[in-house]
């Protein structure tokens, strides 16, 4: 019986089960949330968060329309940051959804 490294076993398992896109999407969401915490004022850091990535559309939940307006000028910078880290996955659109229930 051959001994394989844990890294190789995990990589083959992920590839075999087709989980690669889901793992990449979760990493992109984490990157987007880190970006949001960097650009939002300290007292407003919890007012927006990335929740999903599907077909190149990143969905952000926000607390209010004023948060949406604050974030819009930073869209290209967010897309660029994601493109730097994840060359194989492109975010073409950012969708804002006001969802006050998720912030309570």
N, C-alpha and C. Protein backbone atom coordinates (compact mmCIF):
# COMPACT_ATOMS: atom_id res chain seq x y z
N UNK A 1 0.85 -1.18 0.00
CA UNK A 1 0.00 0.00 0.00
C UNK A 1 0.89 1.24 0.00
N UNK A 2 0.63 2.13 -0.95
CA UNK A 2 1.42 3.35 -1.08
C UNK A 2 0.95 4.39 -0.07
N UNK A 3 1.89 5.16 0.41
CA UNK A 3 1.57 6.24 1.34
C UNK A 3 1.54 7.55 0.54
N UNK A 4 0.42 8.27 0.70
CA UNK A 4 0.24 9.53 0.00
C UNK A 4 0.16 10.66 1.03
N UNK A 5 0.58 11.83 0.59
CA UNK A 5 0.48 12.99 1.49
C UNK A 5 -0.98 13.40 1.62
N UNK A 6 -1.28 14.02 2.73
CA UNK A 6 -2.64 14.51 2.99
C UNK A 6 -3.05 15.52 1.92
N UNK A 7 -2.11 16.35 1.50
CA UNK A 7 -2.37 17.35 0.46
C UNK A 7 -2.87 16.67 -0.83
N UNK A 8 -2.18 15.63 -1.25
CA UNK A 8 -2.58 14.92 -2.47
C UNK A 8 -3.93 14.23 -2.31
N UNK A 9 -4.16 13.64 -1.15
CA UNK A 9 -5.44 12.98 -0.90
C UNK A 9 -6.60 13.96 -0.94
N UNK A 10 -6.41 15.13 -0.32
CA UNK A 10 -7.47 16.14 -0.33
C UNK A 10 -7.71 16.69 -1.73
N UNK A 11 -6.66 16.94 -2.45
CA UNK A 11 -6.80 17.49 -3.80
C UNK A 11 -7.55 16.51 -4.70
N UNK A 12 -7.20 15.24 -4.62
CA UNK A 12 -7.91 14.24 -5.44
C UNK A 12 -9.36 14.09 -5.01
N UNK A 13 -9.62 14.14 -3.73
CA UNK A 13 -10.99 14.02 -3.24
C UNK A 13 -11.85 15.19 -3.69
N UNK A 14 -11.30 16.39 -3.61
CA UNK A 14 -12.03 17.58 -4.05
C UNK A 14 -12.32 17.48 -5.54
N UNK A 15 -11.33 17.09 -6.32
CA UNK A 15 -11.51 16.97 -7.77
C UNK A 15 -12.53 15.88 -8.10
N UNK A 16 -12.45 14.75 -7.43
CA UNK A 16 -13.33 13.62 -7.69
C UNK A 16 -14.79 13.97 -7.37
N UNK A 17 -15.01 14.70 -6.30
CA UNK A 17 -16.37 15.05 -5.89
C UNK A 17 -16.88 16.34 -6.51
N UNK A 18 -16.07 17.02 -7.31
CA UNK A 18 -16.51 18.23 -8.00
C UNK A 18 -16.77 19.41 -7.07
N UNK A 19 -16.02 19.49 -5.98
CA UNK A 19 -16.23 20.56 -5.01
C UNK A 19 -15.36 21.78 -5.25
N UNK A 20 -14.52 21.76 -6.26
CA UNK A 20 -13.61 22.86 -6.53
C UNK A 20 -14.30 24.20 -6.69
N UNK A 21 -15.35 24.31 -7.52
CA UNK A 21 -16.02 25.61 -7.68
C UNK A 21 -16.63 26.14 -6.38
N UNK A 22 -17.16 25.26 -5.56
CA UNK A 22 -17.75 25.70 -4.29
C UNK A 22 -16.68 26.22 -3.33
N UNK A 23 -15.55 25.56 -3.32
CA UNK A 23 -14.46 26.00 -2.45
C UNK A 23 -13.93 27.36 -2.92
N UNK A 24 -13.77 27.52 -4.23
CA UNK A 24 -13.31 28.80 -4.77
C UNK A 24 -14.31 29.91 -4.46
N UNK A 25 -15.60 29.61 -4.60
CA UNK A 25 -16.64 30.62 -4.31
C UNK A 25 -16.58 31.05 -2.85
N UNK A 26 -16.39 30.10 -1.95
CA UNK A 26 -16.32 30.46 -0.52
C UNK A 26 -15.08 31.30 -0.23
N UNK A 27 -13.98 31.03 -0.92
CA UNK A 27 -12.78 31.84 -0.74
C UNK A 27 -12.97 33.25 -1.29
N UNK A 28 -13.68 33.37 -2.40
CA UNK A 28 -13.96 34.69 -2.97
C UNK A 28 -14.87 35.48 -2.03
N UNK A 29 -15.87 34.82 -1.46
CA UNK A 29 -16.77 35.49 -0.51
C UNK A 29 -15.98 35.98 0.70
N UNK A 30 -15.07 35.17 1.17
CA UNK A 30 -14.23 35.60 2.30
C UNK A 30 -13.36 36.80 1.92
N UNK A 31 -12.80 36.77 0.72
CA UNK A 31 -11.99 37.89 0.23
C UNK A 31 -12.83 39.15 0.15
N UNK A 32 -14.05 39.03 -0.36
CA UNK A 32 -14.95 40.19 -0.47
C UNK A 32 -15.31 40.73 0.91
N UNK A 33 -15.55 39.86 1.86
CA UNK A 33 -15.87 40.31 3.21
C UNK A 33 -14.68 41.02 3.87
N UNK A 34 -13.49 40.53 3.61
CA UNK A 34 -12.28 41.21 4.11
C UNK A 34 -12.18 42.61 3.49
N UNK A 35 -12.46 42.71 2.19
CA UNK A 35 -12.43 44.01 1.51
C UNK A 35 -13.46 44.95 2.11
N UNK A 36 -14.67 44.45 2.35
CA UNK A 36 -15.72 45.30 2.93
C UNK A 36 -15.32 45.81 4.30
N UNK A 37 -14.71 44.97 5.11
CA UNK A 37 -14.30 45.42 6.44
C UNK A 37 -13.17 46.45 6.35
N UNK A 38 -12.39 46.40 5.27
CA UNK A 38 -11.33 47.39 5.08
C UNK A 38 -11.88 48.76 4.69
N UNK A 39 -12.93 48.79 3.87
CA UNK A 39 -13.39 50.08 3.34
C UNK A 39 -14.52 50.72 4.14
N UNK A 40 -15.26 49.92 4.88
CA UNK A 40 -16.36 50.50 5.67
C UNK A 40 -15.82 51.16 6.93
N UNK A 41 -16.43 52.26 7.36
CA UNK A 41 -16.02 52.88 8.63
C UNK A 41 -16.17 51.89 9.79
N UNK A 42 -15.38 52.06 10.80
CA UNK A 42 -15.35 51.12 11.93
C UNK A 42 -16.73 50.87 12.51
N UNK A 43 -17.51 51.91 12.69
CA UNK A 43 -18.83 51.74 13.31
C UNK A 43 -19.85 51.12 12.34
N UNK A 44 -19.50 50.97 11.07
CA UNK A 44 -20.42 50.42 10.06
C UNK A 44 -19.94 49.11 9.44
N UNK A 45 -18.92 48.51 9.99
CA UNK A 45 -18.34 47.30 9.39
C UNK A 45 -19.31 46.14 9.31
N UNK A 46 -20.27 46.11 10.18
CA UNK A 46 -21.22 44.99 10.17
C UNK A 46 -22.45 45.29 9.31
N UNK A 47 -22.45 46.37 8.55
CA UNK A 47 -23.62 46.77 7.76
C UNK A 47 -23.66 46.16 6.36
N UNK A 48 -22.65 45.40 5.97
CA UNK A 48 -22.64 44.76 4.65
C UNK A 48 -21.80 43.49 4.72
N UNK A 49 -22.22 42.51 3.92
CA UNK A 49 -21.42 41.28 3.83
C UNK A 49 -21.74 40.56 2.53
N UNK A 50 -20.75 39.88 2.00
CA UNK A 50 -20.91 39.06 0.81
C UNK A 50 -21.52 37.73 1.24
N UNK A 51 -22.50 37.25 0.47
CA UNK A 51 -23.18 36.01 0.86
C UNK A 51 -23.13 34.92 -0.19
N UNK A 52 -22.99 35.28 -1.47
CA UNK A 52 -22.96 34.22 -2.48
C UNK A 52 -22.29 34.70 -3.76
N UNK A 53 -21.87 33.71 -4.54
CA UNK A 53 -21.29 33.96 -5.86
C UNK A 53 -21.86 32.92 -6.80
N UNK A 54 -22.55 33.40 -7.82
CA UNK A 54 -23.15 32.48 -8.78
C UNK A 54 -23.08 33.09 -10.17
N UNK A 55 -22.54 32.35 -11.10
CA UNK A 55 -22.44 32.78 -12.51
C UNK A 55 -21.80 34.15 -12.65
N UNK A 56 -20.77 34.42 -11.88
CA UNK A 56 -20.05 35.69 -11.97
C UNK A 56 -20.71 36.85 -11.26
N UNK A 57 -21.82 36.61 -10.55
CA UNK A 57 -22.50 37.67 -9.81
C UNK A 57 -22.27 37.48 -8.32
N UNK A 58 -21.66 38.48 -7.71
CA UNK A 58 -21.42 38.47 -6.27
C UNK A 58 -22.58 39.18 -5.59
N UNK A 59 -23.22 38.49 -4.66
CA UNK A 59 -24.37 39.08 -3.95
C UNK A 59 -23.92 39.59 -2.60
N UNK A 60 -24.26 40.85 -2.31
CA UNK A 60 -23.97 41.47 -1.03
C UNK A 60 -25.27 41.77 -0.31
N UNK A 61 -25.35 41.40 0.95
CA UNK A 61 -26.46 41.84 1.80
C UNK A 61 -26.01 43.12 2.47
N UNK A 62 -26.89 44.11 2.46
CA UNK A 62 -26.60 45.37 3.12
C UNK A 62 -27.74 45.73 4.06
N UNK A 63 -27.42 46.60 4.97
CA UNK A 63 -28.40 47.00 5.98
C UNK A 63 -29.34 48.09 5.46
N UNK A 64 -28.87 48.93 4.53
CA UNK A 64 -29.70 50.03 4.04
C UNK A 64 -29.21 50.49 2.68
N UNK A 65 -30.02 51.30 2.03
CA UNK A 65 -29.64 51.83 0.72
C UNK A 65 -28.45 52.80 0.82
N UNK A 66 -28.30 53.44 1.95
CA UNK A 66 -27.15 54.34 2.11
C UNK A 66 -25.84 53.55 2.10
N UNK A 67 -25.85 52.33 2.62
CA UNK A 67 -24.67 51.48 2.56
C UNK A 67 -24.40 51.09 1.11
N UNK A 68 -25.45 50.79 0.35
CA UNK A 68 -25.30 50.48 -1.07
C UNK A 68 -24.61 51.62 -1.79
N UNK A 69 -25.09 52.83 -1.56
CA UNK A 69 -24.52 54.00 -2.23
C UNK A 69 -23.06 54.24 -1.82
N UNK A 70 -22.75 53.96 -0.58
CA UNK A 70 -21.37 54.12 -0.12
C UNK A 70 -20.45 53.12 -0.83
N UNK A 71 -20.94 51.90 -1.06
CA UNK A 71 -20.10 50.84 -1.63
C UNK A 71 -19.93 50.92 -3.14
N UNK A 72 -20.87 51.51 -3.85
CA UNK A 72 -20.83 51.51 -5.32
C UNK A 72 -19.51 52.05 -5.91
N UNK A 73 -18.94 53.13 -5.41
CA UNK A 73 -17.67 53.60 -5.99
C UNK A 73 -16.50 52.62 -5.82
N UNK A 74 -16.64 51.65 -4.93
CA UNK A 74 -15.56 50.69 -4.67
C UNK A 74 -15.72 49.39 -5.46
N UNK A 75 -16.74 49.29 -6.32
CA UNK A 75 -17.01 48.04 -7.03
C UNK A 75 -15.82 47.57 -7.88
N UNK A 76 -15.27 48.46 -8.67
CA UNK A 76 -14.15 48.07 -9.54
C UNK A 76 -12.93 47.64 -8.73
N UNK A 77 -12.68 48.32 -7.64
CA UNK A 77 -11.56 47.94 -6.78
C UNK A 77 -11.76 46.55 -6.19
N UNK A 78 -12.99 46.24 -5.79
CA UNK A 78 -13.30 44.91 -5.28
C UNK A 78 -13.12 43.86 -6.37
N UNK A 79 -13.63 44.12 -7.56
CA UNK A 79 -13.47 43.18 -8.67
C UNK A 79 -11.99 42.95 -9.00
N UNK A 80 -11.21 44.04 -8.97
CA UNK A 80 -9.78 43.93 -9.25
C UNK A 80 -9.06 43.09 -8.19
N UNK A 81 -9.42 43.30 -6.93
CA UNK A 81 -8.78 42.54 -5.86
C UNK A 81 -9.10 41.05 -6.00
N UNK A 82 -10.34 40.74 -6.34
CA UNK A 82 -10.72 39.34 -6.53
C UNK A 82 -9.99 38.76 -7.74
N UNK A 83 -9.91 39.53 -8.82
CA UNK A 83 -9.23 39.06 -10.03
C UNK A 83 -7.75 38.79 -9.79
N UNK A 84 -7.11 39.58 -8.92
CA UNK A 84 -5.70 39.36 -8.59
C UNK A 84 -5.50 38.02 -7.89
N UNK A 85 -6.39 37.71 -6.96
CA UNK A 85 -6.21 36.50 -6.15
C UNK A 85 -6.78 35.26 -6.82
N UNK A 86 -7.82 35.42 -7.63
CA UNK A 86 -8.51 34.28 -8.23
C UNK A 86 -8.61 34.50 -9.73
N UNK A 87 -7.55 34.21 -10.42
CA UNK A 87 -7.49 34.48 -11.86
C UNK A 87 -8.48 33.64 -12.66
N UNK A 88 -8.80 32.46 -12.17
CA UNK A 88 -9.68 31.56 -12.92
C UNK A 88 -11.17 31.90 -12.75
N UNK A 89 -11.51 32.72 -11.80
CA UNK A 89 -12.92 33.07 -11.52
C UNK A 89 -13.09 34.57 -11.68
N UNK A 90 -14.06 34.97 -12.48
CA UNK A 90 -14.28 36.40 -12.71
C UNK A 90 -15.61 36.84 -12.10
N UNK A 91 -15.57 37.97 -11.39
CA UNK A 91 -16.79 38.60 -10.89
C UNK A 91 -17.14 39.70 -11.88
N UNK A 92 -18.26 39.52 -12.57
CA UNK A 92 -18.65 40.48 -13.58
C UNK A 92 -19.68 41.48 -13.08
N UNK A 93 -20.40 41.12 -12.02
CA UNK A 93 -21.47 41.99 -11.52
C UNK A 93 -21.56 41.87 -10.00
N UNK A 94 -21.91 42.97 -9.36
CA UNK A 94 -22.16 42.96 -7.92
C UNK A 94 -23.61 43.35 -7.70
N UNK A 95 -24.34 42.49 -7.00
CA UNK A 95 -25.76 42.69 -6.76
C UNK A 95 -25.95 43.01 -5.28
N UNK A 96 -26.65 44.10 -5.01
CA UNK A 96 -26.91 44.53 -3.63
C UNK A 96 -28.33 44.16 -3.25
N UNK A 97 -28.49 43.59 -2.09
CA UNK A 97 -29.82 43.28 -1.58
C UNK A 97 -29.92 43.79 -0.15
N UNK A 98 -30.90 44.64 0.10
CA UNK A 98 -31.12 45.13 1.45
C UNK A 98 -31.82 44.01 2.22
N UNK A 99 -31.20 43.59 3.29
CA UNK A 99 -31.72 42.49 4.08
C UNK A 99 -31.47 42.81 5.55
N UNK A 100 -32.33 43.60 6.13
CA UNK A 100 -32.15 44.04 7.50
C UNK A 100 -32.22 42.88 8.49
N UNK A 101 -32.98 41.84 8.16
CA UNK A 101 -33.13 40.71 9.07
C UNK A 101 -31.81 40.00 9.34
N UNK A 102 -30.91 39.99 8.38
CA UNK A 102 -29.66 39.27 8.57
C UNK A 102 -28.65 40.06 9.43
N UNK A 103 -29.01 41.27 9.84
CA UNK A 103 -28.11 42.10 10.63
C UNK A 103 -28.57 42.29 12.06
N UNK A 104 -29.53 41.52 12.49
CA UNK A 104 -30.02 41.68 13.88
C UNK A 104 -29.50 40.60 14.77
